[in-house]
C-alpha atoms as a PDB file:
ATOM      1  CA  UNK A   1     243.852 199.159 -59.830  1.00  0.00           C
ATOM      2  CA  UNK A   2     242.692 199.653 -63.405  1.00  0.00           C
ATOM      3  CA  UNK A   3     241.595 196.610 -65.382  1.00  0.00           C
ATOM      4  CA  UNK A   4     241.452 195.663 -69.038  1.00  0.00           C
ATOM      5  CA  UNK A   5     238.281 194.048 -70.358  1.00  0.00           C
ATOM      6  CA  UNK A   6     237.618 192.609 -73.784  1.00  0.00           C
ATOM      7  CA  UNK A   7     234.216 192.323 -75.384  1.00  0.00           C
ATOM      8  CA  UNK A   8     233.196 190.160 -78.326  1.00  0.00           C
ATOM      9  CA  UNK A   9     229.806 189.709 -79.910  1.00  0.00           C
ATOM     10  CA  UNK A  10     228.234 187.750 -82.745  1.00  0.00           C
ATOM     11  CA  UNK A  11     224.827 188.589 -84.130  1.00  0.00           C
ATOM     12  CA  UNK A  12     224.080 185.430 -86.116  1.00  0.00           C
ATOM     13  CA  UNK A  13     224.356 181.709 -85.398  1.00  0.00           C
ATOM     14  CA  UNK A  14     226.495 181.278 -88.510  1.00  0.00           C
ATOM     15  CA  UNK A  15     229.220 183.535 -87.096  1.00  0.00           C
ATOM     16  CA  UNK A  16     232.081 182.413 -84.886  1.00  0.00           C
ATOM     17  CA  UNK A  17     233.406 184.455 -82.011  1.00  0.00           C
ATOM     18  CA  UNK A  18     236.808 182.771 -81.692  1.00  0.00           C
ATOM     19  CA  UNK A  19     238.468 185.211 -84.095  1.00  0.00           C
ATOM     20  CA  UNK A  20     237.453 188.218 -82.003  1.00  0.00           C
ATOM     21  CA  UNK A  21     238.639 186.562 -78.793  1.00  0.00           C
ATOM     22  CA  UNK A  22     241.938 185.596 -80.419  1.00  0.00           C
ATOM     23  CA  UNK A  23     242.573 189.132 -81.681  1.00  0.00           C
ATOM     24  CA  UNK A  24     241.817 190.721 -78.306  1.00  0.00           C
ATOM     25  CA  UNK A  25     243.883 188.169 -76.359  1.00  0.00           C
ATOM     26  CA  UNK A  26     246.833 188.596 -78.700  1.00  0.00           C
ATOM     27  CA  UNK A  27     246.852 192.372 -78.273  1.00  0.00           C
ATOM     28  CA  UNK A  28     245.973 192.333 -74.550  1.00  0.00           C
ATOM     29  CA  UNK A  29     246.910 188.975 -72.955  1.00  0.00           C
ATOM     30  CA  UNK A  30     245.615 190.017 -69.516  1.00  0.00           C
ATOM     31  CA  UNK A  31     242.202 191.157 -70.752  1.00  0.00           C
ATOM     32  CA  UNK A  32     239.155 189.742 -68.987  1.00  0.00           C
ATOM     33  CA  UNK A  33     236.988 188.808 -71.956  1.00  0.00           C
ATOM     34  CA  UNK A  34     233.199 188.808 -72.079  1.00  0.00           C
ATOM     35  CA  UNK A  35     231.348 187.355 -75.074  1.00  0.00           C
ATOM     36  CA  UNK A  36     227.747 186.956 -76.101  1.00  0.00           C
ATOM     37  CA  UNK A  37     225.498 186.175 -79.033  1.00  0.00           C
ATOM     38  CA  UNK A  38     222.926 188.836 -79.754  1.00  0.00           C
ATOM     39  CA  UNK A  39     220.509 189.260 -82.601  1.00  0.00           C
ATOM     40  CA  UNK A  40     219.659 192.826 -83.387  1.00  0.00           C
ATOM     41  CA  UNK A  41     221.222 196.250 -83.359  1.00  0.00           C
ATOM     42  CA  UNK A  42     220.419 197.604 -79.896  1.00  0.00           C
ATOM     43  CA  UNK A  43     223.128 198.434 -77.410  1.00  0.00           C
ATOM     44  CA  UNK A  44     221.433 197.048 -74.251  1.00  0.00           C
ATOM     45  CA  UNK A  45     222.877 193.531 -74.432  1.00  0.00           C
ATOM     46  CA  UNK A  46     222.781 191.566 -71.142  1.00  0.00           C
ATOM     47  CA  UNK A  47     226.486 190.690 -70.843  1.00  0.00           C
ATOM     48  CA  UNK A  48     227.600 194.049 -72.164  1.00  0.00           C
ATOM     49  CA  UNK A  49     225.278 195.780 -69.684  1.00  0.00           C
ATOM     50  CA  UNK A  50     226.921 193.814 -66.846  1.00  0.00           C
ATOM     51  CA  UNK A  51     230.339 194.842 -68.103  1.00  0.00           C
ATOM     52  CA  UNK A  52     229.338 198.512 -68.140  1.00  0.00           C
ATOM     53  CA  UNK A  53     228.294 198.227 -64.492  1.00  0.00           C
ATOM     54  CA  UNK A  54     231.676 196.714 -63.540  1.00  0.00           C
ATOM     55  CA  UNK A  55     233.983 199.250 -65.094  1.00  0.00           C
ATOM     56  CA  UNK A  56     235.317 202.333 -63.368  1.00  0.00           C
ATOM     57  CA  UNK A  57     237.562 205.275 -64.182  1.00  0.00           C
ATOM     58  CA  UNK A  58     240.883 204.133 -65.616  1.00  0.00           C
ATOM     59  CA  UNK A  59     239.580 200.792 -66.878  1.00  0.00           C
ATOM     60  CA  UNK A  60     239.859 199.797 -70.544  1.00  0.00           C
ATOM     61  CA  UNK A  61     237.442 197.991 -72.844  1.00  0.00           C
ATOM     62  CA  UNK A  62     238.920 196.387 -75.960  1.00  0.00           C
ATOM     63  CA  UNK A  63     236.815 195.587 -79.040  1.00  0.00           C
ATOM     64  CA  UNK A  64     237.913 193.788 -82.187  1.00  0.00           C
ATOM     65  CA  UNK A  65     236.132 196.499 -84.165  1.00  0.00           C
ATOM     66  CA  UNK A  66     233.740 199.387 -83.658  1.00  0.00           C
ATOM     67  CA  UNK A  67     230.871 197.268 -85.016  1.00  0.00           C
ATOM     68  CA  UNK A  68     231.152 195.001 -81.945  1.00  0.00           C
ATOM     69  CA  UNK A  69     230.398 197.926 -79.626  1.00  0.00           C
ATOM     70  CA  UNK A  70     227.325 198.978 -81.539  1.00  0.00           C
ATOM     71  CA  UNK A  71     225.911 198.618 -85.040  1.00  0.00           C
ATOM     72  CA  UNK A  72     223.561 201.530 -84.359  1.00  0.00           C
ATOM     73  CA  UNK A  73     225.554 204.664 -85.095  1.00  0.00           C
ATOM     74  CA  UNK A  74     223.624 207.081 -82.884  1.00  0.00           C
ATOM     75  CA  UNK A  75     223.672 204.870 -79.796  1.00  0.00           C
ATOM     76  CA  UNK A  76     227.299 203.957 -80.418  1.00  0.00           C
ATOM     77  CA  UNK A  77     228.459 207.573 -80.615  1.00  0.00           C
ATOM     78  CA  UNK A  78     226.470 208.476 -77.504  1.00  0.00           C
ATOM     79  CA  UNK A  79     227.977 205.620 -75.479  1.00  0.00           C
ATOM     80  CA  UNK A  80     231.497 206.402 -76.722  1.00  0.00           C
ATOM     81  CA  UNK A  81     231.398 209.931 -75.349  1.00  0.00           C
ATOM     82  CA  UNK A  82     229.621 208.898 -72.141  1.00  0.00           C
ATOM     83  CA  UNK A  83     232.404 206.415 -71.390  1.00  0.00           C
ATOM     84  CA  UNK A  84     235.083 208.895 -72.446  1.00  0.00           C
ATOM     85  CA  UNK A  85     233.707 211.477 -70.010  1.00  0.00           C
ATOM     86  CA  UNK A  86     233.828 208.853 -67.231  1.00  0.00           C
ATOM     87  CA  UNK A  87     237.514 208.208 -67.882  1.00  0.00           C
ATOM     88  CA  UNK A  88     237.036 204.790 -69.496  1.00  0.00           C
ATOM     89  CA  UNK A  89     239.557 203.906 -72.195  1.00  0.00           C
ATOM     90  CA  UNK A  90     238.135 202.391 -75.394  1.00  0.00           C
ATOM     91  CA  UNK A  91     240.311 200.440 -77.811  1.00  0.00           C
ATOM     92  CA  UNK A  92     239.196 199.324 -81.286  1.00  0.00           C
ATOM     93  CA  UNK A  93     241.766 196.999 -82.817  1.00  0.00           C
ATOM     94  CA  UNK A  94     240.640 197.525 -86.414  1.00  0.00           C
ATOM     95  CA  UNK A  95     239.947 201.264 -86.085  1.00  0.00           C
ATOM     96  CA  UNK A  96     242.704 202.359 -83.727  1.00  0.00           C
ATOM     97  CA  UNK A  97     242.495 205.924 -85.017  1.00  0.00           C
ATOM     98  CA  UNK A  98     239.357 206.457 -82.900  1.00  0.00           C
ATOM     99  CA  UNK A  99     240.689 204.948 -79.669  1.00  0.00           C
ATOM    100  CA  UNK A 100     239.916 207.270 -76.754  1.00  0.00           C
ATOM    101  CA  UNK A 101     243.648 207.796 -76.214  1.00  0.00           C
ATOM    102  CA  UNK A 102     243.924 209.188 -79.753  1.00  0.00           C
ATOM    103  CA  UNK A 103     240.865 211.376 -79.280  1.00  0.00           C
ATOM    104  CA  UNK A 104     242.187 212.667 -75.948  1.00  0.00           C
ATOM    105  CA  UNK A 105     245.538 213.476 -77.555  1.00  0.00           C
ATOM    106  CA  UNK A 106     243.827 215.330 -80.388  1.00  0.00           C
ATOM    107  CA  UNK A 107     241.754 217.565 -78.156  1.00  0.00           C
ATOM    108  CA  UNK A 108     244.672 218.142 -75.776  1.00  0.00           C
ATOM    109  CA  UNK A 109     246.630 219.777 -78.569  1.00  0.00           C
ATOM    110  CA  UNK A 110     244.741 222.995 -78.012  1.00  0.00           C
ATOM    111  CA  UNK A 111     246.779 226.165 -78.359  1.00  0.00           C
ATOM    112  CA  UNK A 112     247.114 228.356 -75.256  1.00  0.00           C
ATOM    113  CA  UNK A 113     245.622 231.827 -75.396  1.00  0.00           C
ATOM    114  CA  UNK A 114     248.068 234.702 -75.617  1.00  0.00           C
ATOM    115  CA  UNK A 115     246.219 237.610 -74.043  1.00  0.00           C
ATOM    116  CA  UNK A 116     245.956 239.303 -77.402  1.00  0.00           C
ATOM    117  CA  UNK A 117     242.238 239.663 -78.099  1.00  0.00           C
ATOM    118  CA  UNK A 118     242.457 239.238 -81.863  1.00  0.00           C
ATOM    119  CA  UNK A 119     244.954 236.370 -81.687  1.00  0.00           C
ATOM    120  CA  UNK A 120     242.880 234.629 -79.021  1.00  0.00           C
ATOM    121  CA  UNK A 121     239.768 234.688 -81.209  1.00  0.00           C
ATOM    122  CA  UNK A 122     241.750 232.840 -83.872  1.00  0.00           C
ATOM    123  CA  UNK A 123     243.207 230.401 -81.314  1.00  0.00           C
ATOM    124  CA  UNK A 124     239.800 229.587 -79.823  1.00  0.00           C
ATOM    125  CA  UNK A 125     238.410 228.943 -83.302  1.00  0.00           C
ATOM    126  CA  UNK A 126     241.383 226.706 -84.115  1.00  0.00           C
ATOM    127  CA  UNK A 127     240.861 224.719 -80.911  1.00  0.00           C
ATOM    128  CA  UNK A 128     237.209 224.171 -81.782  1.00  0.00           C
ATOM    129  CA  UNK A 129     238.188 222.920 -85.231  1.00  0.00           C
ATOM    130  CA  UNK A 130     240.693 220.436 -83.752  1.00  0.00           C
ATOM    131  CA  UNK A 131     238.031 218.977 -81.474  1.00  0.00           C
ATOM    132  CA  UNK A 132     235.420 218.971 -84.242  1.00  0.00           C
ATOM    133  CA  UNK A 133     237.686 217.049 -86.637  1.00  0.00           C
ATOM    134  CA  UNK A 134     238.464 214.433 -83.980  1.00  0.00           C
ATOM    135  CA  UNK A 135     234.775 214.110 -83.101  1.00  0.00           C
ATOM    136  CA  UNK A 136     233.780 213.738 -86.751  1.00  0.00           C
ATOM    137  CA  UNK A 137     236.253 210.881 -87.198  1.00  0.00           C
ATOM    138  CA  UNK A 138     234.558 208.986 -84.370  1.00  0.00           C
ATOM    139  CA  UNK A 139     231.091 209.664 -85.743  1.00  0.00           C
ATOM    140  CA  UNK A 140     232.154 208.554 -89.220  1.00  0.00           C
ATOM    141  CA  UNK A 141     233.543 205.243 -87.890  1.00  0.00           C
ATOM    142  CA  UNK A 142     230.245 204.352 -86.201  1.00  0.00           C
ATOM    143  CA  UNK A 143     228.226 205.428 -89.233  1.00  0.00           C
ATOM    144  CA  UNK A 144     230.427 203.329 -91.526  1.00  0.00           C
ATOM    145  CA  UNK A 145     229.987 200.271 -89.279  1.00  0.00           C
ATOM    146  CA  UNK A 146     226.217 200.645 -89.447  1.00  0.00           C
ATOM    147  CA  UNK A 147     226.302 201.201 -93.214  1.00  0.00           C
ATOM    148  CA  UNK A 148     228.286 198.001 -93.778  1.00  0.00           C
ATOM    149  CA  UNK A 149     225.719 195.980 -91.826  1.00  0.00           C
ATOM    150  CA  UNK A 150     222.791 197.648 -93.595  1.00  0.00           C
ATOM    151  CA  UNK A 151     224.418 197.075 -96.995  1.00  0.00           C
ATOM    152  CA  UNK A 152     225.085 193.414 -96.190  1.00  0.00           C
ATOM    153  CA  UNK A 153     221.464 192.877 -95.192  1.00  0.00           C
ATOM    154  CA  UNK A 154     220.275 194.542 -98.383  1.00  0.00           C
ATOM    155  CA  UNK A 155     222.612 192.493-100.590  1.00  0.00           C
ATOM    156  CA  UNK A 156     221.508 189.322 -98.814  1.00  0.00           C
ATOM    157  CA  UNK A 157     217.849 190.169 -99.423  1.00  0.00           C
ATOM    158  CA  UNK A 158     218.574 190.943-103.068  1.00  0.00           C
ATOM    159  CA  UNK A 159     220.439 187.646-103.436  1.00  0.00           C
ATOM    160  CA  UNK A 160     217.549 185.688-101.967  1.00  0.00           C
ATOM    161  CA  UNK A 161     215.046 187.484-104.205  1.00  0.00           C
ATOM    162  CA  UNK A 162     217.206 186.827-107.265  1.00  0.00           C
ATOM    163  CA  UNK A 163     217.571 183.170-106.323  1.00  0.00           C
ATOM    164  CA  UNK A 164     213.800 182.813-106.029  1.00  0.00           C
ATOM    165  CA  UNK A 165     213.319 184.603-109.352  1.00  0.00           C
ATOM    166  CA  UNK A 166     215.627 182.103-111.054  1.00  0.00           C
ATOM    167  CA  UNK A 167     213.714 179.219-109.544  1.00  0.00           C
ATOM    168  CA  UNK A 168     216.396 178.075-107.136  1.00  0.00           C
ATOM    169  CA  UNK A 169     215.336 176.492-103.875  1.00  0.00           C
ATOM    170  CA  UNK A 170     216.186 178.777-100.978  1.00  0.00           C
ATOM    171  CA  UNK A 171     216.904 177.455 -97.498  1.00  0.00           C
ATOM    172  CA  UNK A 172     216.236 173.822 -98.404  1.00  0.00           C
ATOM    173  CA  UNK A 173     218.472 170.834 -97.880  1.00  0.00           C
ATOM    174  CA  UNK A 174     217.427 168.750-100.896  1.00  0.00           C
ATOM    175  CA  UNK A 175     216.594 169.253-104.528  1.00  0.00           C
ATOM    176  CA  UNK A 176     218.037 171.835-106.863  1.00  0.00           C
ATOM    177  CA  UNK A 177     221.066 173.969-106.155  1.00  0.00           C
ATOM    178  CA  UNK A 178     220.890 175.230-102.585  1.00  0.00           C
ATOM    179  CA  UNK A 179     220.988 178.972-101.972  1.00  0.00           C
ATOM    180  CA  UNK A 180     221.070 180.089 -98.351  1.00  0.00           C
ATOM    181  CA  UNK A 181     221.402 183.379 -96.552  1.00  0.00           C
ATOM    182  CA  UNK A 182     224.647 182.076 -95.085  1.00  0.00           C
ATOM    183  CA  UNK A 183     226.153 181.298 -98.490  1.00  0.00           C
ATOM    184  CA  UNK A 184     225.180 184.702 -99.899  1.00  0.00           C
ATOM    185  CA  UNK A 185     226.739 186.544 -96.962  1.00  0.00           C
ATOM    186  CA  UNK A 186     229.895 184.413 -97.120  1.00  0.00           C
ATOM    187  CA  UNK A 187     230.304 185.096-100.836  1.00  0.00           C
ATOM    188  CA  UNK A 188     229.918 188.834-100.266  1.00  0.00           C
ATOM    189  CA  UNK A 189     232.750 188.695 -97.738  1.00  0.00           C
ATOM    190  CA  UNK A 190     234.920 186.562-100.031  1.00  0.00           C
ATOM    191  CA  UNK A 191     234.434 189.133-102.777  1.00  0.00           C
ATOM    192  CA  UNK A 192     235.341 191.929-100.362  1.00  0.00           C
ATOM    193  CA  UNK A 193     238.404 190.421 -98.667  1.00  0.00           C
ATOM    194  CA  UNK A 194     239.968 187.765-100.932  1.00  0.00           C
ATOM    195  CA  UNK A 195     242.837 188.812-103.209  1.00  0.00           C
ATOM    196  CA  UNK A 196     241.338 186.911-106.157  1.00  0.00           C
ATOM    197  CA  UNK A 197     238.641 189.587-106.294  1.00  0.00           C
ATOM    198  CA  UNK A 198     240.814 192.571-105.455  1.00  0.00           C
ATOM    199  CA  UNK A 199     240.899 192.216-101.668  1.00  0.00           C
ATOM    200  CA  UNK A 200     243.963 192.061 -99.420  1.00  0.00           C
ATOM    201  CA  UNK A 201     243.725 188.553 -97.918  1.00  0.00           C
ATOM    202  CA  UNK A 202     244.989 185.219 -99.228  1.00  0.00           C
ATOM    203  CA  UNK A 203     242.705 182.182 -99.283  1.00  0.00           C
ATOM    204  CA  UNK A 204     243.537 180.853 -95.807  1.00  0.00           C
ATOM    205  CA  UNK A 205     243.228 184.234 -94.098  1.00  0.00           C
ATOM    206  CA  UNK A 206     239.912 184.787 -95.883  1.00  0.00           C
ATOM    207  CA  UNK A 207     238.206 181.597 -94.734  1.00  0.00           C
ATOM    208  CA  UNK A 208     239.515 182.123 -91.200  1.00  0.00           C
ATOM    209  CA  UNK A 209     238.226 185.691 -91.111  1.00  0.00           C
ATOM    210  CA  UNK A 210     234.792 184.668 -92.383  1.00  0.00           C
ATOM    211  CA  UNK A 211     234.611 181.638 -90.103  1.00  0.00           C
ATOM    212  CA  UNK A 212     233.954 178.942 -92.704  1.00  0.00           C
ATOM    213  CA  UNK A 213     235.779 175.720 -93.507  1.00  0.00           C
ATOM    214  CA  UNK A 214     238.446 175.427 -96.197  1.00  0.00           C
ATOM    215  CA  UNK A 215     236.164 173.129 -98.234  1.00  0.00           C
ATOM    216  CA  UNK A 216     233.233 175.535 -98.029  1.00  0.00           C
ATOM    217  CA  UNK A 217     235.458 178.463 -98.941  1.00  0.00           C
ATOM    218  CA  UNK A 218     236.690 176.817-102.156  1.00  0.00           C
ATOM    219  CA  UNK A 219     233.171 175.685-103.018  1.00  0.00           C
ATOM    220  CA  UNK A 220     231.869 179.260-102.789  1.00  0.00           C
ATOM    221  CA  UNK A 221     234.906 180.727-104.517  1.00  0.00           C
ATOM    222  CA  UNK A 222     234.648 178.310-107.443  1.00  0.00           C
ATOM    223  CA  UNK A 223     230.941 179.062-107.810  1.00  0.00           C
ATOM    224  CA  UNK A 224     231.699 182.787-107.876  1.00  0.00           C
ATOM    225  CA  UNK A 225     234.443 182.411-110.486  1.00  0.00           C
ATOM    226  CA  UNK A 226     232.247 180.174-112.643  1.00  0.00           C
ATOM    227  CA  UNK A 227     229.436 182.720-112.523  1.00  0.00           C
ATOM    228  CA  UNK A 228     231.778 185.431-113.841  1.00  0.00           C
ATOM    229  CA  UNK A 229     232.989 183.448-116.860  1.00  0.00           C
END
């Protein structure tokens, strides 16, 4: 009997995993969910490794997003196709266009050969293009996930350097205005997702997505708006 598994991961202590679990459970109520905290970008995480040993052909693994499977694009793409070849279904709630079911459907749309040598050359080339396009979509999704993480790390580093340059105390609990890595990352996400700054989410959905309190959200948002005046 095939089973459905869910996998959630956080990579920093400031993150909360409840949102991932909630999303997976809502979409797949019977999913057996595994979670873990892991710092880094490698794919050989202890709990995930155990999950990979459990699964068999016909089973499904559900992720909230492709970045939870791997933030390293090369390793992520390699694992995707290894699992696909073993008959494991992969579901990405936020990037459903690269679910294995979609990929399988794309490559199954190959055109049958006709027996006409010239026509068959064209058909074989067309079939290769169909598979290539589907494969490229998967590769692009993993590369984009890695880019977003790399960009966030770079912006965080730049924010900390800028804070130090302006004489602000970084990572302290007393004294002048506090600037932390957590606050910089949260503000980047507010700017990306909140509708005040051109995003698609309202205030409540934004602070829930980021995993911060309502009070902290408005504190950061007000600071951001004040800085732009």
